[in-house]
mmCIF file of all heavy atoms, coordinates in Angstrom:
data_MODEL
# 
_entry.id   MODEL 
# 
loop_
_atom_site.group_PDB 
_atom_site.id 
_atom_site.type_symbol 
_atom_site.label_atom_id 
_atom_site.label_alt_id 
_atom_site.label_comp_id 
_atom_site.label_asym_id 
_atom_site.label_entity_id 
_atom_site.label_seq_id 
_atom_site.pdbx_PDB_ins_code 
_atom_site.Cartn_x 
_atom_site.Cartn_y 
_atom_site.Cartn_z 
_atom_site.occupancy 
_atom_site.B_iso_or_equiv 
_atom_site.pdbx_formal_charge 
_atom_site.auth_seq_id 
_atom_site.auth_comp_id 
_atom_site.auth_asym_id 
_atom_site.auth_atom_id 
_atom_site.pdbx_PDB_model_num 
ATOM 1   N N   . LYS A 1 1  ? 0.925   77.350 -0.793 1.00 0.00 ? 1  LYS A N   1 
ATOM 2   C CA  . LYS A 1 1  ? 0.038   76.174 -0.837 1.00 0.00 ? 1  LYS A CA  1 
ATOM 3   C C   . LYS A 1 1  ? -1.334  76.519 -1.369 1.00 0.00 ? 1  LYS A C   1 
ATOM 4   O O   . LYS A 1 1  ? -1.866  77.537 -1.088 1.00 0.00 ? 1  LYS A O   1 
ATOM 5   C CB  . LYS A 1 1  ? -0.062  75.541 0.553  1.00 0.00 ? 1  LYS A CB  1 
ATOM 6   C CG  . LYS A 1 1  ? 1.301   75.175 1.176  1.00 0.00 ? 1  LYS A CG  1 
ATOM 7   C CD  . LYS A 1 1  ? 1.073   74.622 2.595  1.00 0.00 ? 1  LYS A CD  1 
ATOM 8   C CE  . LYS A 1 1  ? 2.449   74.464 3.289  1.00 0.00 ? 1  LYS A CE  1 
ATOM 9   N NZ  . LYS A 1 1  ? 3.282   73.451 2.609  1.00 0.00 ? 1  LYS A NZ  1 
ATOM 10  N N   . PRO A 1 2  ? -1.916  75.652 -2.214 1.00 0.00 ? 2  PRO A N   1 
ATOM 11  C CA  . PRO A 1 2  ? -3.306  75.896 -2.683 1.00 0.00 ? 2  PRO A CA  1 
ATOM 12  C C   . PRO A 1 2  ? -4.275  75.840 -1.510 1.00 0.00 ? 2  PRO A C   1 
ATOM 13  O O   . PRO A 1 2  ? -4.010  75.190 -0.507 1.00 0.00 ? 2  PRO A O   1 
ATOM 14  C CB  . PRO A 1 2  ? -3.551  74.713 -3.670 1.00 0.00 ? 2  PRO A CB  1 
ATOM 15  C CG  . PRO A 1 2  ? -2.607  73.600 -3.222 1.00 0.00 ? 2  PRO A CG  1 
ATOM 16  C CD  . PRO A 1 2  ? -1.349  74.359 -2.668 1.00 0.00 ? 2  PRO A CD  1 
ATOM 17  N N   . VAL A 1 3  ? -5.335  76.590 -1.716 1.00 0.00 ? 3  VAL A N   1 
ATOM 18  C CA  . VAL A 1 3  ? -6.296  76.718 -0.595 1.00 0.00 ? 3  VAL A CA  1 
ATOM 19  C C   . VAL A 1 3  ? -7.728  76.481 -1.053 1.00 0.00 ? 3  VAL A C   1 
ATOM 20  O O   . VAL A 1 3  ? -8.148  76.788 -2.212 1.00 0.00 ? 3  VAL A O   1 
ATOM 21  C CB  . VAL A 1 3  ? -6.218  78.136 0.051  1.00 0.00 ? 3  VAL A CB  1 
ATOM 22  C CG1 . VAL A 1 3  ? -6.536  79.258 -0.949 1.00 0.00 ? 3  VAL A CG1 1 
ATOM 23  C CG2 . VAL A 1 3  ? -7.061  78.282 1.314  1.00 0.00 ? 3  VAL A CG2 1 
ATOM 24  N N   . LEU A 1 4  ? -8.532  75.845 -0.190 1.00 0.00 ? 4  LEU A N   1 
ATOM 25  C CA  . LEU A 1 4  ? -9.966  75.672 -0.377 1.00 0.00 ? 4  LEU A CA  1 
ATOM 26  C C   . LEU A 1 4  ? -10.672 76.293 0.771  1.00 0.00 ? 4  LEU A C   1 
ATOM 27  O O   . LEU A 1 4  ? -10.301 76.093 1.999  1.00 0.00 ? 4  LEU A O   1 
ATOM 28  C CB  . LEU A 1 4  ? -10.297 74.159 -0.430 1.00 0.00 ? 4  LEU A CB  1 
ATOM 29  C CG  . LEU A 1 4  ? -11.776 73.848 -0.408 1.00 0.00 ? 4  LEU A CG  1 
ATOM 30  C CD1 . LEU A 1 4  ? -12.489 74.242 -1.676 1.00 0.00 ? 4  LEU A CD1 1 
ATOM 31  C CD2 . LEU A 1 4  ? -11.983 72.323 -0.248 1.00 0.00 ? 4  LEU A CD2 1 
ATOM 32  N N   . TYR A 1 5  ? -11.667 77.098 0.526  1.00 0.00 ? 5  TYR A N   1 
ATOM 33  C CA  . TYR A 1 5  ? -12.460 77.758 1.616  1.00 0.00 ? 5  TYR A CA  1 
ATOM 34  C C   . TYR A 1 5  ? -13.742 76.987 1.877  1.00 0.00 ? 5  TYR A C   1 
ATOM 35  O O   . TYR A 1 5  ? -14.460 76.606 0.971  1.00 0.00 ? 5  TYR A O   1 
ATOM 36  C CB  . TYR A 1 5  ? -12.822 79.199 1.246  1.00 0.00 ? 5  TYR A CB  1 
ATOM 37  C CG  . TYR A 1 5  ? -11.578 80.056 1.099  1.00 0.00 ? 5  TYR A CG  1 
ATOM 38  C CD1 . TYR A 1 5  ? -11.110 80.484 -0.155 1.00 0.00 ? 5  TYR A CD1 1 
ATOM 39  C CD2 . TYR A 1 5  ? -10.851 80.452 2.236  1.00 0.00 ? 5  TYR A CD2 1 
ATOM 40  C CE1 . TYR A 1 5  ? -9.951  81.231 -0.271 1.00 0.00 ? 5  TYR A CE1 1 
ATOM 41  C CE2 . TYR A 1 5  ? -9.678  81.275 2.132  1.00 0.00 ? 5  TYR A CE2 1 
ATOM 42  C CZ  . TYR A 1 5  ? -9.258  81.605 0.879  1.00 0.00 ? 5  TYR A CZ  1 
ATOM 43  O OH  . TYR A 1 5  ? -8.113  82.380 0.731  1.00 0.00 ? 5  TYR A OH  1 
ATOM 44  N N   . VAL A 1 6  ? -13.974 76.691 3.178  1.00 0.00 ? 6  VAL A N   1 
ATOM 45  C CA  . VAL A 1 6  ? -15.197 76.039 3.580  1.00 0.00 ? 6  VAL A CA  1 
ATOM 46  C C   . VAL A 1 6  ? -16.071 76.996 4.387  1.00 0.00 ? 6  VAL A C   1 
ATOM 47  O O   . VAL A 1 6  ? -15.600 77.436 5.482  1.00 0.00 ? 6  VAL A O   1 
ATOM 48  C CB  . VAL A 1 6  ? -14.904 74.743 4.444  1.00 0.00 ? 6  VAL A CB  1 
ATOM 49  C CG1 . VAL A 1 6  ? -16.201 74.167 4.974  1.00 0.00 ? 6  VAL A CG1 1 
ATOM 50  C CG2 . VAL A 1 6  ? -14.149 73.743 3.564  1.00 0.00 ? 6  VAL A CG2 1 
ATOM 51  N N   . ALA A 1 7  ? -17.158 77.406 3.878  1.00 0.00 ? 7  ALA A N   1 
ATOM 52  C CA  . ALA A 1 7  ? -18.023 78.322 4.554  1.00 0.00 ? 7  ALA A CA  1 
ATOM 53  C C   . ALA A 1 7  ? -18.953 77.557 5.477  1.00 0.00 ? 7  ALA A C   1 
ATOM 54  O O   . ALA A 1 7  ? -19.789 76.803 5.035  1.00 0.00 ? 7  ALA A O   1 
ATOM 55  C CB  . ALA A 1 7  ? -18.830 79.131 3.525  1.00 0.00 ? 7  ALA A CB  1 
ATOM 56  N N   . ASN A 1 8  ? -18.711 77.705 6.759  1.00 0.00 ? 8  ASN A N   1 
ATOM 57  C CA  . ASN A 1 8  ? -19.555 77.035 7.784  1.00 0.00 ? 8  ASN A CA  1 
ATOM 58  C C   . ASN A 1 8  ? -20.832 77.818 8.007  1.00 0.00 ? 8  ASN A C   1 
ATOM 59  O O   . ASN A 1 8  ? -20.781 78.893 8.623  1.00 0.00 ? 8  ASN A O   1 
ATOM 60  C CB  . ASN A 1 8  ? -18.760 76.818 9.038  1.00 0.00 ? 8  ASN A CB  1 
ATOM 61  C CG  . ASN A 1 8  ? -19.437 75.951 10.087 1.00 0.00 ? 8  ASN A CG  1 
ATOM 62  O OD1 . ASN A 1 8  ? -20.453 75.324 9.773  1.00 0.00 ? 8  ASN A OD1 1 
ATOM 63  N ND2 . ASN A 1 8  ? -18.925 75.883 11.268 1.00 0.00 ? 8  ASN A ND2 1 
ATOM 64  N N   . VAL A 1 9  ? -21.924 77.288 7.517  1.00 0.00 ? 9  VAL A N   1 
ATOM 65  C CA  . VAL A 1 9  ? -23.197 78.070 7.468  1.00 0.00 ? 9  VAL A CA  1 
ATOM 66  C C   . VAL A 1 9  ? -24.163 77.585 8.518  1.00 0.00 ? 9  VAL A C   1 
ATOM 67  O O   . VAL A 1 9  ? -24.003 76.475 9.104  1.00 0.00 ? 9  VAL A O   1 
ATOM 68  C CB  . VAL A 1 9  ? -23.816 77.962 6.059  1.00 0.00 ? 9  VAL A CB  1 
ATOM 69  C CG1 . VAL A 1 9  ? -22.934 78.594 5.007  1.00 0.00 ? 9  VAL A CG1 1 
ATOM 70  C CG2 . VAL A 1 9  ? -24.234 76.542 5.692  1.00 0.00 ? 9  VAL A CG2 1 
ATOM 71  N N   . ASP A 1 10 ? -25.226 78.334 8.746  1.00 0.00 ? 10 ASP A N   1 
ATOM 72  C CA  . ASP A 1 10 ? -26.324 77.920 9.589  1.00 0.00 ? 10 ASP A CA  1 
ATOM 73  C C   . ASP A 1 10 ? -27.113 76.838 8.940  1.00 0.00 ? 10 ASP A C   1 
ATOM 74  O O   . ASP A 1 10 ? -27.190 76.703 7.706  1.00 0.00 ? 10 ASP A O   1 
ATOM 75  C CB  . ASP A 1 10 ? -27.211 79.197 9.865  1.00 0.00 ? 10 ASP A CB  1 
ATOM 76  C CG  . ASP A 1 10 ? -28.300 78.878 10.905 1.00 0.00 ? 10 ASP A CG  1 
ATOM 77  O OD1 . ASP A 1 10 ? -27.974 79.012 12.114 1.00 0.00 ? 10 ASP A OD1 1 
ATOM 78  O OD2 . ASP A 1 10 ? -29.415 78.566 10.533 1.00 0.00 ? 10 ASP A OD2 1 
ATOM 79  N N   . GLU A 1 11 ? -27.746 75.974 9.743  1.00 0.00 ? 11 GLU A N   1 
ATOM 80  C CA  . GLU A 1 11 ? -28.512 74.857 9.231  1.00 0.00 ? 11 GLU A CA  1 
ATOM 81  C C   . GLU A 1 11 ? -29.743 75.309 8.429  1.00 0.00 ? 11 GLU A C   1 
ATOM 82  O O   . GLU A 1 11 ? -30.342 74.509 7.646  1.00 0.00 ? 11 GLU A O   1 
ATOM 83  C CB  . GLU A 1 11 ? -28.920 73.913 10.343 1.00 0.00 ? 11 GLU A CB  1 
ATOM 84  C CG  . GLU A 1 11 ? -29.753 74.505 11.452 1.00 0.00 ? 11 GLU A CG  1 
ATOM 85  C CD  . GLU A 1 11 ? -29.984 73.514 12.575 1.00 0.00 ? 11 GLU A CD  1 
ATOM 86  O OE1 . GLU A 1 11 ? -30.724 72.529 12.372 1.00 0.00 ? 11 GLU A OE1 1 
ATOM 87  O OE2 . GLU A 1 11 ? -29.375 73.738 13.661 1.00 0.00 ? 11 GLU A OE2 1 
ATOM 88  N N   . ASN A 1 12 ? -30.096 76.580 8.529  1.00 0.00 ? 12 ASN A N   1 
ATOM 89  C CA  . ASN A 1 12 ? -31.199 77.113 7.706  1.00 0.00 ? 12 ASN A CA  1 
ATOM 90  C C   . ASN A 1 12 ? -30.719 77.757 6.416  1.00 0.00 ? 12 ASN A C   1 
ATOM 91  O O   . ASN A 1 12 ? -31.512 78.353 5.688  1.00 0.00 ? 12 ASN A O   1 
ATOM 92  C CB  . ASN A 1 12 ? -32.029 78.123 8.502  1.00 0.00 ? 12 ASN A CB  1 
ATOM 93  C CG  . ASN A 1 12 ? -32.721 77.502 9.768  1.00 0.00 ? 12 ASN A CG  1 
ATOM 94  O OD1 . ASN A 1 12 ? -33.261 76.416 9.656  1.00 0.00 ? 12 ASN A OD1 1 
ATOM 95  N ND2 . ASN A 1 12 ? -32.649 78.206 10.859 1.00 0.00 ? 12 ASN A ND2 1 
ATOM 96  N N   . ASP A 1 13 ? -29.399 77.593 6.163  1.00 0.00 ? 13 ASP A N   1 
ATOM 97  C CA  . ASP A 1 13 ? -28.848 78.260 4.953  1.00 0.00 ? 13 ASP A CA  1 
ATOM 98  C C   . ASP A 1 13 ? -27.849 77.258 4.253  1.00 0.00 ? 13 ASP A C   1 
ATOM 99  O O   . ASP A 1 13 ? -26.737 77.639 3.976  1.00 0.00 ? 13 ASP A O   1 
ATOM 100 C CB  . ASP A 1 13 ? -28.160 79.534 5.341  1.00 0.00 ? 13 ASP A CB  1 
ATOM 101 C CG  . ASP A 1 13 ? -27.629 80.307 4.148  1.00 0.00 ? 13 ASP A CG  1 
ATOM 102 O OD1 . ASP A 1 13 ? -28.329 80.291 3.079  1.00 0.00 ? 13 ASP A OD1 1 
ATOM 103 O OD2 . ASP A 1 13 ? -26.526 80.866 4.208  1.00 0.00 ? 13 ASP A OD2 1 
ATOM 104 N N   . LEU A 1 14 ? -28.313 76.053 3.990  1.00 0.00 ? 14 LEU A N   1 
ATOM 105 C CA  . LEU A 1 14 ? -27.454 74.995 3.496  1.00 0.00 ? 14 LEU A CA  1 
ATOM 106 C C   . LEU A 1 14 ? -26.943 75.299 2.095  1.00 0.00 ? 14 LEU A C   1 
ATOM 107 O O   . LEU A 1 14 ? -25.882 74.829 1.683  1.00 0.00 ? 14 LEU A O   1 
ATOM 108 C CB  . LEU A 1 14 ? -28.152 73.654 3.512  1.00 0.00 ? 14 LEU A CB  1 
ATOM 109 C CG  . LEU A 1 14 ? -28.616 73.123 4.851  1.00 0.00 ? 14 LEU A CG  1 
ATOM 110 C CD1 . LEU A 1 14 ? -29.239 71.776 4.739  1.00 0.00 ? 14 LEU A CD1 1 
ATOM 111 C CD2 . LEU A 1 14 ? -27.403 73.101 5.856  1.00 0.00 ? 14 LEU A CD2 1 
ATOM 112 N N   . GLU A 1 15 ? -27.668 76.134 1.370  1.00 0.00 ? 15 GLU A N   1 
ATOM 113 C CA  . GLU A 1 15 ? -27.262 76.515 -0.012 1.00 0.00 ? 15 GLU A CA  1 
ATOM 114 C C   . GLU A 1 15 ? -26.300 77.727 -0.054 1.00 0.00 ? 15 GLU A C   1 
ATOM 115 O O   . GLU A 1 15 ? -25.736 78.065 -1.019 1.00 0.00 ? 15 GLU A O   1 
ATOM 116 C CB  . GLU A 1 15 ? -28.471 76.800 -0.903 1.00 0.00 ? 15 GLU A CB  1 
ATOM 117 C CG  . GLU A 1 15 ? -29.304 75.546 -1.160 1.00 0.00 ? 15 GLU A CG  1 
ATOM 118 C CD  . GLU A 1 15 ? -30.493 75.825 -2.080 1.00 0.00 ? 15 GLU A CD  1 
ATOM 119 O OE1 . GLU A 1 15 ? -30.571 77.014 -2.528 1.00 0.00 ? 15 GLU A OE1 1 
ATOM 120 O OE2 . GLU A 1 15 ? -31.219 74.945 -2.382 1.00 0.00 ? 15 GLU A OE2 1 
ATOM 121 N N   . GLY A 1 16 ? -26.105 78.311 1.180  1.00 0.00 ? 16 GLY A N   1 
ATOM 122 C CA  . GLY A 1 16 ? -25.153 79.403 1.247  1.00 0.00 ? 16 GLY A CA  1 
ATOM 123 C C   . GLY A 1 16 ? -25.664 80.713 0.616  1.00 0.00 ? 16 GLY A C   1 
ATOM 124 O O   . GLY A 1 16 ? -24.928 81.344 -0.163 1.00 0.00 ? 16 GLY A O   1 
ATOM 125 N N   . ASN A 1 17 ? -26.885 81.066 0.936  1.00 0.00 ? 17 ASN A N   1 
ATOM 126 C CA  . ASN A 1 17 ? -27.449 82.282 0.353  1.00 0.00 ? 17 ASN A CA  1 
ATOM 127 C C   . ASN A 1 17 ? -27.204 83.537 1.178  1.00 0.00 ? 17 ASN A C   1 
ATOM 128 O O   . ASN A 1 17 ? -27.535 84.652 0.767  1.00 0.00 ? 17 ASN A O   1 
ATOM 129 C CB  . ASN A 1 17 ? -28.979 82.167 0.076  1.00 0.00 ? 17 ASN A CB  1 
ATOM 130 C CG  . ASN A 1 17 ? -29.261 81.067 -0.925 1.00 0.00 ? 17 ASN A CG  1 
ATOM 131 O OD1 . ASN A 1 17 ? -28.609 81.010 -1.951 1.00 0.00 ? 17 ASN A OD1 1 
ATOM 132 N ND2 . ASN A 1 17 ? -30.229 80.217 -0.649 1.00 0.00 ? 17 ASN A ND2 1 
ATOM 133 N N   . ASP A 1 18 ? -26.647 83.351 2.337  1.00 0.00 ? 18 ASP A N   1 
ATOM 134 C CA  . ASP A 1 18 ? -26.368 84.484 3.247  1.00 0.00 ? 18 ASP A CA  1 
ATOM 135 C C   . ASP A 1 18 ? -25.369 85.420 2.613  1.00 0.00 ? 18 ASP A C   1 
ATOM 136 O O   . ASP A 1 18 ? -24.423 84.971 1.963  1.00 0.00 ? 18 ASP A O   1 
ATOM 137 C CB  . ASP A 1 18 ? -25.818 83.950 4.584  1.00 0.00 ? 18 ASP A CB  1 
ATOM 138 C CG  . ASP A 1 18 ? -25.822 85.041 5.691  1.00 0.00 ? 18 ASP A CG  1 
ATOM 139 O OD1 . ASP A 1 18 ? -24.879 85.870 5.590  1.00 0.00 ? 18 ASP A OD1 1 
ATOM 140 O OD2 . ASP A 1 18 ? -26.650 84.987 6.586  1.00 0.00 ? 18 ASP A OD2 1 
ATOM 141 N N   . PRO A 1 19 ? -25.481 86.736 2.815  1.00 0.00 ? 19 PRO A N   1 
ATOM 142 C CA  . PRO A 1 19 ? -24.472 87.709 2.298  1.00 0.00 ? 19 PRO A CA  1 
ATOM 143 C C   . PRO A 1 19 ? -23.102 87.420 2.714  1.00 0.00 ? 19 PRO A C   1 
ATOM 144 O O   . PRO A 1 19 ? -22.125 87.711 2.013  1.00 0.00 ? 19 PRO A O   1 
ATOM 145 C CB  . PRO A 1 19 ? -25.015 89.074 2.821  1.00 0.00 ? 19 PRO A CB  1 
ATOM 146 C CG  . PRO A 1 19 ? -26.475 88.871 3.031  1.00 0.00 ? 19 PRO A CG  1 
ATOM 147 C CD  . PRO A 1 19 ? -26.645 87.449 3.418  1.00 0.00 ? 19 PRO A CD  1 
ATOM 148 N N   . LEU A 1 20 ? -22.904 86.831 3.933  1.00 0.00 ? 20 LEU A N   1 
ATOM 149 C CA  . LEU A 1 20 ? -21.580 86.501 4.436  1.00 0.00 ? 20 LEU A CA  1 
ATOM 150 C C   . LEU A 1 20 ? -20.915 85.514 3.456  1.00 0.00 ? 20 LEU A C   1 
ATOM 151 O O   . LEU A 1 20 ? -19.717 85.548 3.161  1.00 0.00 ? 20 LEU A O   1 
ATOM 152 C CB  . LEU A 1 20 ? -21.641 85.923 5.828  1.00 0.00 ? 20 LEU A CB  1 
ATOM 153 C CG  . LEU A 1 20 ? -22.103 86.876 6.943  1.00 0.00 ? 20 LEU A CG  1 
ATOM 154 C CD1 . LEU A 1 20 ? -22.257 86.121 8.230  1.00 0.00 ? 20 LEU A CD1 1 
ATOM 155 C CD2 . LEU A 1 20 ? -21.107 88.036 7.066  1.00 0.00 ? 20 LEU A CD2 1 
ATOM 156 N N   . VAL A 1 21 ? -21.705 84.531 2.982  1.00 0.00 ? 21 VAL A N   1 
ATOM 157 C CA  . VAL A 1 21 ? -21.163 83.493 2.074  1.00 0.00 ? 21 VAL A CA  1 
ATOM 158 C C   . VAL A 1 21 ? -20.812 84.114 0.740  1.00 0.00 ? 21 VAL A C   1 
ATOM 159 O O   . VAL A 1 21 ? -19.810 83.803 0.087  1.00 0.00 ? 21 VAL A O   1 
ATOM 160 C CB  . VAL A 1 21 ? -22.197 82.331 1.906  1.00 0.00 ? 21 VAL A CB  1 
ATOM 161 C CG1 . VAL A 1 21 ? -21.529 81.270 0.952  1.00 0.00 ? 21 VAL A CG1 1 
ATOM 162 C CG2 . VAL A 1 21 ? -22.522 81.743 3.222  1.00 0.00 ? 21 VAL A CG2 1 
ATOM 163 N N   . ALA A 1 22 ? -21.648 85.077 0.294  1.00 0.00 ? 22 ALA A N   1 
ATOM 164 C CA  . ALA A 1 22 ? -21.413 85.744 -1.007 1.00 0.00 ? 22 ALA A CA  1 
ATOM 165 C C   . ALA A 1 22 ? -20.045 86.458 -0.960 1.00 0.00 ? 22 ALA A C   1 
ATOM 166 O O   . ALA A 1 22 ? -19.323 86.465 -1.981 1.00 0.00 ? 22 ALA A O   1 
ATOM 167 C CB  . ALA A 1 22 ? -22.528 86.756 -1.271 1.00 0.00 ? 22 ALA A CB  1 
ATOM 168 N N   . LYS A 1 23 ? -19.690 86.989 0.193  1.00 0.00 ? 23 LYS A N   1 
ATOM 169 C CA  . LYS A 1 23 ? -18.396 87.693 0.342  1.00 0.00 ? 23 LYS A CA  1 
ATOM 170 C C   . LYS A 1 23 ? -17.243 86.653 0.177  1.00 0.00 ? 23 LYS A C   1 
ATOM 171 O O   . LYS A 1 23 ? -16.222 86.943 -0.474 1.00 0.00 ? 23 LYS A O   1 
ATOM 172 C CB  . LYS A 1 23 ? -18.309 88.352 1.672  1.00 0.00 ? 23 LYS A CB  1 
ATOM 173 C CG  . LYS A 1 23 ? -19.207 89.600 1.813  1.00 0.00 ? 23 LYS A CG  1 
ATOM 174 C CD  . LYS A 1 23 ? -19.060 90.242 3.171  1.00 0.00 ? 23 LYS A CD  1 
ATOM 175 C CE  . LYS A 1 23 ? -19.931 91.475 3.333  1.00 0.00 ? 23 LYS A CE  1 
ATOM 176 N NZ  . LYS A 1 23 ? -19.795 92.105 4.681  1.00 0.00 ? 23 LYS A NZ  1 
ATOM 177 N N   . VAL A 1 24 ? -17.440 85.518 0.757  1.00 0.00 ? 24 VAL A N   1 
ATOM 178 C CA  . VAL A 1 24 ? -16.396 84.462 0.651  1.00 0.00 ? 24 VAL A CA  1 
ATOM 179 C C   . VAL A 1 24 ? -16.259 83.995 -0.795 1.00 0.00 ? 24 VAL A C   1 
ATOM 180 O O   . VAL A 1 24 ? -15.151 83.844 -1.236 1.00 0.00 ? 24 VAL A O   1 
ATOM 181 C CB  . VAL A 1 24 ? -16.739 83.268 1.578  1.00 0.00 ? 24 VAL A CB  1 
ATOM 182 C CG1 . VAL A 1 24 ? -15.726 82.171 1.448  1.00 0.00 ? 24 VAL A CG1 1 
ATOM 183 C CG2 . VAL A 1 24 ? -16.756 83.739 3.029  1.00 0.00 ? 24 VAL A CG2 1 
ATOM 184 N N   . ARG A 1 25 ? -17.382 83.756 -1.462 1.00 0.00 ? 25 ARG A N   1 
ATOM 185 C CA  . ARG A 1 25 ? -17.336 83.314 -2.840 1.00 0.00 ? 25 ARG A CA  1 
ATOM 186 C C   . ARG A 1 25 ? -16.609 84.342 -3.713 1.00 0.00 ? 25 ARG A C   1 
ATOM 187 O O   . ARG A 1 25 ? -15.809 84.021 -4.598 1.00 0.00 ? 25 ARG A O   1 
ATOM 188 C CB  . ARG A 1 25 ? -18.740 83.072 -3.368 1.00 0.00 ? 25 ARG A CB  1 
ATOM 189 C CG  . ARG A 1 25 ? -19.414 81.866 -2.839 1.00 0.00 ? 25 ARG A CG  1 
ATOM 190 C CD  . ARG A 1 25 ? -20.627 81.469 -3.696 1.00 0.00 ? 25 ARG A CD  1 
ATOM 191 N NE  . ARG A 1 25 ? -21.286 80.306 -3.247 1.00 0.00 ? 25 ARG A NE  1 
ATOM 192 C CZ  . ARG A 1 25 ? -22.439 80.230 -2.543 1.00 0.00 ? 25 ARG A CZ  1 
ATOM 193 N NH1 . ARG A 1 25 ? -23.056 81.439 -2.256 1.00 0.00 ? 25 ARG A NH1 1 
ATOM 194 N NH2 . ARG A 1 25 ? -22.985 79.099 -2.116 1.00 0.00 ? 25 ARG A NH2 1 
ATOM 195 N N   . SER A 1 26 ? -16.944 85.601 -3.519 1.00 0.00 ? 26 SER A N   1 
ATOM 196 C CA  . SER A 1 26 ? -16.302 86.632 -4.331 1.00 0.00 ? 26 SER A CA  1 
ATOM 197 C C   . SER A 1 26 ? -14.802 86.734 -4.056 1.00 0.00 ? 26 SER A C   1 
ATOM 198 O O   . SER A 1 26 ? -13.990 86.807 -5.030 1.00 0.00 ? 26 SER A O   1 
ATOM 199 C CB  . SER A 1 26 ? -16.938 88.004 -3.969 1.00 0.00 ? 26 SER A CB  1 
ATOM 200 O OG  . SER A 1 26 ? -16.324 89.063 -4.705 1.00 0.00 ? 26 SER A OG  1 
ATOM 201 N N   . TYR A 1 27 ? -14.398 86.605 -2.803 1.00 0.00 ? 27 TYR A N   1 
ATOM 202 C CA  . TYR A 1 27 ? -12.997 86.611 -2.496 1.00 0.00 ? 27 TYR A CA  1 
ATOM 203 C C   . TYR A 1 27 ? -12.243 85.404 -3.090 1.00 0.00 ? 27 TYR A C   1 
ATOM 204 O O   . TYR A 1 27 ? -11.214 85.528 -3.688 1.00 0.00 ? 27 TYR A O   1 
ATOM 205 C CB  . TYR A 1 27 ? -12.825 86.593 -0.970 1.00 0.00 ? 27 TYR A CB  1 
ATOM 206 C CG  . TYR A 1 27 ? -11.372 86.640 -0.489 1.00 0.00 ? 27 TYR A CG  1 
ATOM 207 C CD1 . TYR A 1 27 ? -10.795 87.889 -0.134 1.00 0.00 ? 27 TYR A CD1 1 
ATOM 208 C CD2 . TYR A 1 27 ? -10.606 85.473 -0.396 1.00 0.00 ? 27 TYR A CD2 1 
ATOM 209 C CE1 . TYR A 1 27 ? -9.454  87.889 0.317  1.00 0.00 ? 27 TYR A CE1 1 
ATOM 210 C CE2 . TYR A 1 27 ? -9.280  85.533 0.029  1.00 0.00 ? 27 TYR A CE2 1 
ATOM 211 C CZ  . TYR A 1 27 ? -8.739  86.725 0.396  1.00 0.00 ? 27 TYR A CZ  1 
ATOM 212 O OH  . TYR A 1 27 ? -7.432  86.797 0.832  1.00 0.00 ? 27 TYR A OH  1 
ATOM 213 N N   . ALA A 1 28 ? -12.909 84.216 -2.985 1.00 0.00 ? 28 ALA A N   1 
ATOM 214 C CA  . ALA A 1 28 ? -12.268 83.007 -3.454 1.00 0.00 ? 28 ALA A CA  1 
ATOM 215 C C   . ALA A 1 28 ? -12.163 83.002 -5.001 1.00 0.00 ? 28 ALA A C   1 
ATOM 216 O O   . ALA A 1 28 ? -11.146 82.600 -5.555 1.00 0.00 ? 28 ALA A O   1 
ATOM 217 C CB  . ALA A 1 28 ? -13.102 81.817 -3.039 1.00 0.00 ? 28 ALA A CB  1 
# 
């Protein structure tokens, strides 16, 4: 099945600049 990843971020990081999000983007 196709997959979409939703990174649930902190309210102070709405643009997803945290290194944790960068890892998800790279994987996806």
